[in-house]
Amino acid sequence: MATVKITESLFGTTKNQNEIKKYTLSTSDGFEVALINYGATIQSIRQPDKYNQITEITLGYDNLQGYIDDKCFFGCTVGRVTGRIKNGRFELDGIVYDLPKTDATTRHYLHGVFNKSVWDSSTENGDTVVFKYQSPDGESGFPGRVNVTVKYILTSDHRLTLDFHATTTKPTPINMTNHVYFNFAGDASGSILDHQLMVPAKNFIPLDKELIPTGEIASVENTPYDFRTLTRIGDRINESFDGYDITLIVDGDGKRPFGKLLHEQSGRAITIESTQKCLHLYTGNFLDGGKGRNGATYNKHDGLCLETQNYSGSVNNQPSFPSIILRPDKEYHEQTTFHFHLE
């Protein structure tokens, strides 16, 4: 059985002289996950294929400046709230909060600033990297001082668990995820249209033309969002805006199956389990030819994200959507496991 090893190195230094550390978790059979404490980011995942060729299977950068300049959220921890908040505004307990309008239209909030923050970091148990960040009261317009912990745990059989915790001093929205982009053919290999996806979701959250949740919940039946059986990504992608950017609702509670992504040519696959309520599928629709790792060019649909999270647009669609409000007497805790394997 493969064992797990962690090595630590210097990835770079910010202009404020913060040292950015890189932690590489590896197994003796060639599987490898690299993490950096800038954005609590998955910087790299390398996996052997069915021919035992080890390839980079995530989109990203090979230097710190790439992540500092990044606008695609490659591999990072997203928060306080993932996705768009309409008009950069929400009301909580009778108070209206205004947020930065950071999406492409500059009309709506998008994702937050956890990805541009330097996190404290450490290791534990020989298989876990721990990132901690204190988000100050008022950061990005949100109330409350929030203490966040993200743990990445790797097992010898290639299960990568993302463990999210948060506490707050004031009521505040929390809906975190990781924004890693996968391409099982290799990060410089072109589109992900030949990947196949299965998600056991019978409902989804419709969007308007600006990608804002409408507040409805709709059946996936007879839509391009029906992935209840293994379906090639490219088969119906042109029926969905410029690609997929949609939240699929996975019924049930507790940690449970969230689906599978498969690339038959390489044999690489992941199965997903999560405690979250939804899986957001994003197919790199805004990738525009920017340069990534080793000079690779990342074009539209060259990577896809499988973001486990709560309902998109929850703060502006109460009470019909589940609340994402964390209060001082509670702890936020969500966990997702990606099992990387071959088929």
Protein backbone atom coordinates (compact mmCIF):
# COMPACT_ATOMS: atom_id res chain seq x y z
CA MET A 1 0.00 0.00 0.00
CA ALA A 2 1.25 3.45 -0.89
CA THR A 3 2.14 5.78 1.94
CA VAL A 4 1.81 9.58 2.19
CA LYS A 5 4.71 12.00 2.53
CA ILE A 6 4.66 15.80 2.95
CA THR A 7 7.51 18.04 1.81
CA GLU A 8 7.65 21.79 2.36
CA SER A 9 9.35 24.39 0.15
CA LEU A 10 9.33 28.14 -0.54
CA PHE A 11 6.98 29.05 -3.41
CA GLY A 12 7.67 32.79 -3.39
CA THR A 13 7.51 36.02 -1.41
CA THR A 14 4.82 38.72 -1.63
CA LYS A 15 5.62 42.42 -1.94
CA ASN A 16 4.80 42.65 1.79
CA GLN A 17 7.53 40.07 2.44
CA ASN A 18 5.12 37.29 3.32
CA GLU A 19 6.72 33.95 2.55
CA ILE A 20 4.42 31.69 0.55
CA LYS A 21 4.95 28.04 1.37
CA LYS A 22 4.32 25.08 -0.88
CA TYR A 23 3.32 21.75 0.63
CA THR A 24 3.57 18.68 -1.56
CA LEU A 25 1.66 15.61 -0.41
CA SER A 26 2.74 12.54 -2.34
CA THR A 27 2.18 8.80 -2.32
CA SER A 28 4.84 6.23 -3.13
CA ASP A 29 2.96 5.21 -6.30
CA GLY A 30 3.28 8.63 -7.95
CA PHE A 31 0.13 10.57 -6.98
CA GLU A 32 0.89 14.12 -5.84
CA VAL A 33 -1.03 17.16 -4.53
CA ALA A 34 0.70 20.53 -4.07
CA LEU A 35 -0.82 23.29 -1.93
CA ILE A 36 0.19 26.90 -1.25
CA ASN A 37 -0.86 29.19 1.58
CA TYR A 38 -1.67 32.03 -0.85
CA GLY A 39 -5.43 31.57 -1.10
CA ALA A 40 -5.25 28.13 0.59
CA THR A 41 -4.85 26.94 -2.99
CA ILE A 42 -4.49 23.59 -4.73
CA GLN A 43 -1.51 24.52 -6.89
CA SER A 44 -1.08 21.16 -8.60
CA ILE A 45 -2.37 17.60 -8.78
CA ARG A 46 -0.34 15.02 -10.68
CA GLN A 47 -1.82 11.59 -11.31
CA PRO A 48 -0.64 8.52 -13.24
CA ASP A 49 -2.95 7.40 -16.06
CA LYS A 50 -3.78 3.81 -17.00
CA TYR A 51 -0.46 3.61 -18.89
CA ASN A 52 1.36 4.88 -15.75
CA GLN A 53 2.17 8.24 -17.35
CA ILE A 54 2.12 10.95 -14.66
CA THR A 55 0.45 14.16 -15.85
CA GLU A 56 -0.63 17.47 -14.34
CA ILE A 57 -4.46 17.35 -14.18
CA THR A 58 -5.31 20.84 -12.86
CA LEU A 59 -5.01 24.31 -14.35
CA GLY A 60 -2.72 26.71 -12.55
CA TYR A 61 0.60 28.53 -12.43
CA ASP A 62 4.17 27.55 -11.63
CA ASN A 63 5.02 30.80 -9.82
CA LEU A 64 3.50 33.06 -7.18
CA GLN A 65 3.03 36.02 -9.52
CA GLY A 66 0.64 33.94 -11.57
CA TYR A 67 -1.65 33.55 -8.56
CA ILE A 68 -1.29 37.20 -7.55
CA ASP A 69 -2.40 38.29 -11.05
CA ASP A 70 -4.96 35.48 -11.47
CA LYS A 71 -8.57 36.38 -12.31
CA CYS A 72 -9.78 32.80 -12.87
CA PHE A 73 -9.65 31.57 -9.24
CA PHE A 74 -7.42 28.61 -10.18
CA GLY A 75 -7.42 26.09 -7.33
CA CYS A 76 -8.17 28.58 -4.57
CA THR A 77 -10.43 28.62 -1.54
CA VAL A 78 -13.41 30.86 -2.34
CA GLY A 79 -15.14 32.92 0.33
CA ARG A 80 -16.78 34.29 2.29
CA VAL A 81 -19.49 33.49 -0.27
CA THR A 82 -18.97 31.62 -3.51
CA GLY A 83 -20.83 32.76 -6.61
CA ARG A 84 -22.64 35.98 -7.40
CA ILE A 85 -24.66 38.16 -5.03
CA LYS A 86 -27.09 40.29 -7.02
CA ASN A 87 -26.18 43.99 -7.19
CA GLY A 88 -23.51 43.40 -4.54
CA ARG A 89 -26.12 43.84 -1.83
CA PHE A 90 -27.99 41.77 0.75
CA GLU A 91 -30.06 42.36 3.87
CA LEU A 92 -29.44 40.57 7.16
CA ASP A 93 -31.40 41.13 10.37
CA GLY A 94 -32.78 44.40 9.01
CA ILE A 95 -29.40 45.84 7.95
CA VAL A 96 -28.42 46.28 4.28
CA TYR A 97 -24.82 45.43 3.40
CA ASP A 98 -23.05 46.65 0.27
CA LEU A 99 -20.26 44.55 -1.23
CA PRO A 100 -17.66 45.15 -3.96
CA LYS A 101 -19.05 44.53 -7.46
CA THR A 102 -16.33 42.30 -8.78
CA ASP A 103 -17.91 40.12 -11.47
CA ALA A 104 -17.21 40.68 -15.16
CA THR A 105 -20.16 43.06 -15.51
CA THR A 106 -19.09 45.07 -12.41
CA ARG A 107 -22.73 44.92 -11.34
CA HIS A 108 -22.56 42.00 -8.90
CA TYR A 109 -20.37 40.58 -6.14
CA LEU A 110 -18.34 37.48 -7.08
CA HIS A 111 -16.51 35.01 -4.81
CA GLY A 112 -14.76 37.32 -2.28
CA VAL A 113 -11.09 37.79 -1.37
CA PHE A 114 -10.00 34.62 0.41
CA ASN A 115 -8.14 33.68 -2.80
CA LYS A 116 -5.93 36.79 -2.52
CA SER A 117 -5.16 36.35 1.18
CA VAL A 118 -2.07 34.89 2.85
CA TRP A 119 -3.11 32.10 5.21
CA ASP A 120 -1.27 30.71 8.20
CA SER A 121 -0.20 27.15 7.49
CA SER A 122 1.03 24.02 9.22
CA THR A 123 0.99 20.24 8.89
CA GLU A 124 -0.38 17.53 11.15
CA ASN A 125 -0.58 13.73 11.33
CA GLY A 126 1.84 13.31 8.42
CA ASP A 127 -1.01 13.50 5.89
CA THR A 128 -2.74 16.86 6.51
CA VAL A 129 -2.03 20.49 5.64
CA VAL A 130 -3.90 23.09 7.71
CA PHE A 131 -4.59 26.63 6.51
CA LYS A 132 -6.04 29.31 8.82
CA TYR A 133 -7.25 32.81 8.05
CA GLN A 134 -8.90 35.53 10.11
CA SER A 135 -11.23 37.62 7.97
CA PRO A 136 -11.68 40.98 9.72
CA ASP A 137 -15.06 42.50 10.52
CA GLY A 138 -16.11 44.44 7.43
CA GLU A 139 -13.84 42.66 4.96
CA SER A 140 -15.48 42.93 1.51
CA GLY A 141 -18.41 44.60 3.29
CA PHE A 142 -19.41 41.52 5.30
CA PRO A 143 -20.16 41.77 9.03
CA GLY A 144 -18.28 39.88 11.72
CA ARG A 145 -14.74 38.72 12.33
CA VAL A 146 -14.56 35.23 10.86
CA ASN A 147 -11.96 32.60 11.74
CA VAL A 148 -11.59 30.08 8.92
CA THR A 149 -9.75 26.77 8.85
CA VAL A 150 -9.31 24.65 5.73
CA LYS A 151 -7.68 21.24 6.02
CA TYR A 152 -6.47 19.13 3.10
CA ILE A 153 -6.08 15.46 4.00
CA LEU A 154 -4.61 12.88 1.61
CA THR A 155 -4.86 9.12 2.04
CA SER A 156 -2.62 6.50 0.50
CA ASP A 157 -5.40 5.43 -1.88
CA HIS A 158 -5.64 8.94 -3.38
CA ARG A 159 -8.62 10.33 -1.46
CA LEU A 160 -8.23 14.08 -1.01
CA THR A 161 -10.54 15.49 1.67
CA LEU A 162 -11.26 19.23 1.95
CA ASP A 163 -12.45 20.08 5.45
CA PHE A 164 -13.88 23.59 6.00
CA HIS A 165 -14.55 25.22 9.39
CA ALA A 166 -15.58 28.77 10.31
CA THR A 167 -16.77 30.75 13.34
CA THR A 168 -17.92 34.36 13.50
CA THR A 169 -18.38 37.22 15.97
CA LYS A 170 -21.51 38.53 14.20
CA PRO A 171 -24.16 36.96 11.96
CA THR A 172 -22.67 36.71 8.45
CA PRO A 173 -23.13 34.69 5.25
CA ILE A 174 -20.70 31.80 4.76
CA ASN A 175 -20.67 29.55 1.69
CA MET A 176 -17.15 28.38 0.88
CA THR A 177 -15.79 26.05 -1.77
CA ASN A 178 -12.62 25.18 -3.66
CA HIS A 179 -12.31 26.36 -7.26
CA VAL A 180 -9.87 23.81 -8.71
CA TYR A 181 -10.10 23.30 -12.49
CA PHE A 182 -9.68 19.70 -13.68
CA ASN A 183 -8.52 18.39 -17.05
CA PHE A 184 -7.77 14.67 -16.82
CA ALA A 185 -6.12 14.64 -20.24
CA GLY A 186 -3.51 17.09 -18.92
CA ASP A 187 -3.58 20.81 -18.20
CA ALA A 188 -2.18 21.75 -21.64
CA SER A 189 -4.22 19.22 -23.64
CA GLY A 190 -7.18 21.29 -24.83
CA SER A 191 -10.86 21.09 -23.97
CA ILE A 192 -12.68 18.96 -21.40
CA LEU A 193 -15.59 18.26 -23.77
CA ASP A 194 -14.76 14.52 -23.90
CA HIS A 195 -14.93 14.14 -20.12
CA GLN A 196 -18.03 12.38 -18.82
CA LEU A 197 -19.93 13.54 -15.74
CA MET A 198 -22.55 12.01 -13.47
CA VAL A 199 -24.27 14.01 -10.71
CA PRO A 200 -27.27 12.53 -8.84
CA ALA A 201 -29.24 15.79 -8.95
CA LYS A 202 -32.86 15.98 -10.08
CA ASN A 203 -33.13 19.76 -9.62
CA PHE A 204 -31.04 22.84 -10.43
CA ILE A 205 -31.07 26.60 -9.76
CA PRO A 206 -31.99 28.58 -12.91
CA LEU A 207 -30.06 31.75 -13.77
CA ASP A 208 -30.93 34.94 -15.59
CA LYS A 209 -28.84 36.28 -18.48
CA GLU A 210 -26.35 37.83 -16.02
CA LEU A 211 -25.86 34.46 -14.28
CA ILE A 212 -27.85 35.57 -11.22
CA PRO A 213 -30.09 32.94 -9.57
CA THR A 214 -33.75 33.69 -10.27
CA GLY A 215 -34.92 32.24 -6.95
CA GLU A 216 -36.57 29.27 -8.62
CA ILE A 217 -35.80 25.58 -8.31
CA ALA A 218 -36.35 23.61 -11.51
CA SER A 219 -36.24 19.99 -12.61
CA VAL A 220 -33.28 18.85 -14.72
CA GLU A 221 -35.70 16.70 -16.76
CA ASN A 222 -35.42 17.53 -20.48
CA THR A 223 -32.71 20.15 -19.87
CA PRO A 224 -28.97 20.16 -20.63
CA TYR A 225 -28.44 19.96 -16.84
CA ASP A 226 -29.54 16.34 -16.49
CA PHE A 227 -26.38 14.44 -15.51
CA ARG A 228 -28.13 11.66 -13.61
CA THR A 229 -26.44 9.19 -15.93
CA LEU A 230 -22.85 9.44 -17.13
CA THR A 231 -22.94 12.07 -19.90
CA ARG A 232 -20.27 13.54 -22.16
CA ILE A 233 -19.74 17.22 -21.23
CA GLY A 234 -19.68 18.30 -24.87
CA ASP A 235 -22.94 16.63 -25.90
CA ARG A 236 -25.25 19.46 -24.77
CA ILE A 237 -22.91 22.22 -23.67
CA ASN A 238 -24.02 24.57 -26.45
CA GLU A 239 -27.56 24.53 -25.05
CA SER A 240 -26.37 26.28 -21.86
CA PHE A 241 -25.28 29.93 -22.27
CA ASP A 242 -21.58 29.82 -23.27
CA GLY A 243 -21.18 26.57 -21.39
CA TYR A 244 -22.08 25.19 -17.99
CA ASP A 245 -22.14 27.53 -14.98
CA ILE A 246 -24.94 25.95 -12.99
CA THR A 247 -25.77 24.77 -9.47
CA LEU A 248 -27.13 21.21 -9.22
CA ILE A 249 -28.99 20.28 -6.03
CA VAL A 250 -28.02 16.92 -4.53
CA ASP A 251 -30.81 15.64 -2.28
CA GLY A 252 -30.09 14.13 1.11
CA ASP A 253 -28.13 14.98 4.24
CA GLY A 254 -24.74 14.11 5.62
CA LYS A 255 -21.76 13.01 3.59
CA ARG A 256 -23.09 11.24 0.52
CA PRO A 257 -22.27 10.51 -3.14
CA PHE A 258 -22.11 13.60 -5.35
CA GLY A 259 -21.17 11.91 -8.60
CA LYS A 260 -18.25 11.04 -10.83
CA LEU A 261 -16.04 12.60 -13.50
CA LEU A 262 -14.40 10.23 -16.02
CA HIS A 263 -11.94 10.62 -18.89
CA GLU A 264 -11.95 7.33 -20.74
CA GLN A 265 -8.84 7.92 -22.86
CA SER A 266 -6.56 8.27 -19.84
CA GLY A 267 -8.64 6.15 -17.49
CA ARG A 268 -8.56 8.91 -14.88
CA ALA A 269 -11.66 9.42 -12.76
CA ILE A 270 -12.84 10.98 -9.53
CA THR A 271 -15.80 10.10 -7.39
CA ILE A 272 -17.06 12.81 -5.06
CA GLU A 273 -18.66 12.70 -1.63
CA SER A 274 -19.75 15.79 0.28
CA THR A 275 -21.80 17.08 3.20
CA GLN A 276 -22.82 20.10 1.10
CA LYS A 277 -26.23 20.65 -0.54
CA CYS A 278 -25.16 21.37 -4.12
CA LEU A 279 -22.53 20.86 -6.77
CA HIS A 280 -21.76 23.83 -9.03
CA LEU A 281 -20.53 22.83 -12.48
CA TYR A 282 -18.40 25.41 -14.29
CA THR A 283 -16.73 24.62 -17.62
CA GLY A 284 -14.16 27.42 -17.86
CA ASN A 285 -16.41 29.61 -20.01
CA PHE A 286 -14.41 32.76 -19.26
CA LEU A 287 -10.97 31.28 -19.95
CA ASP A 288 -9.58 33.48 -22.71
CA GLY A 289 -6.18 32.18 -23.76
CA GLY A 290 -4.23 33.31 -20.72
CA LYS A 291 -0.91 31.68 -19.95
CA GLY A 292 -0.64 29.11 -17.20
CA ARG A 293 1.81 26.55 -15.91
CA ASN A 294 4.92 26.07 -18.10
CA GLY A 295 3.55 28.53 -20.66
CA ALA A 296 0.39 26.50 -21.32
CA THR A 297 -2.45 28.41 -22.96
CA TYR A 298 -5.82 28.00 -21.26
CA ASN A 299 -8.73 28.59 -23.62
CA LYS A 300 -12.49 28.39 -23.14
CA HIS A 301 -13.57 24.93 -21.85
CA ASP A 302 -9.98 23.80 -21.19
CA GLY A 303 -10.86 22.99 -17.58
CA LEU A 304 -13.91 22.32 -15.43
CA CYS A 305 -14.75 22.98 -11.79
CA LEU A 306 -16.86 20.77 -9.53
CA GLU A 307 -17.60 23.12 -6.64
CA THR A 308 -19.44 21.60 -3.69
CA GLN A 309 -21.38 24.34 -1.91
CA ASN A 310 -24.71 25.55 -0.54
CA TYR A 311 -27.40 27.11 -2.74
CA SER A 312 -26.23 29.90 -5.07
CA GLY A 313 -27.92 33.25 -4.42
CA SER A 314 -29.18 32.14 -1.01
CA VAL A 315 -28.86 35.53 0.73
CA ASN A 316 -31.23 37.20 -1.75
CA ASN A 317 -33.72 34.33 -2.01
CA GLN A 318 -34.98 33.85 1.53
CA PRO A 319 -36.86 32.01 2.85
CA SER A 320 -37.23 29.68 -0.15
CA PHE A 321 -33.50 28.75 -0.24
CA PRO A 322 -31.61 27.24 2.73
CA SER A 323 -29.94 29.90 4.84
CA ILE A 324 -26.17 30.39 4.64
CA ILE A 325 -26.10 32.70 7.67
CA LEU A 326 -23.56 31.68 10.31
CA ARG A 327 -24.27 33.03 13.79
CA PRO A 328 -21.83 33.44 16.69
CA ASP A 329 -23.19 30.45 18.62
CA LYS A 330 -22.68 28.06 15.70
CA GLU A 331 -19.78 26.57 13.74
CA TYR A 332 -19.69 26.16 9.97
CA HIS A 333 -18.33 22.73 9.04
CA GLU A 334 -18.50 21.13 5.60
CA GLN A 335 -16.41 18.36 4.08
CA THR A 336 -15.81 17.10 0.55
CA THR A 337 -13.74 14.12 -0.57
CA PHE A 338 -12.40 13.61 -4.10
CA HIS A 339 -11.32 10.00 -4.73
CA PHE A 340 -8.88 9.91 -7.63
CA HIS A 341 -8.68 6.51 -9.31
CA LEU A 342 -8.43 4.72 -12.65
CA GLU A 343 -11.15 2.97 -14.62
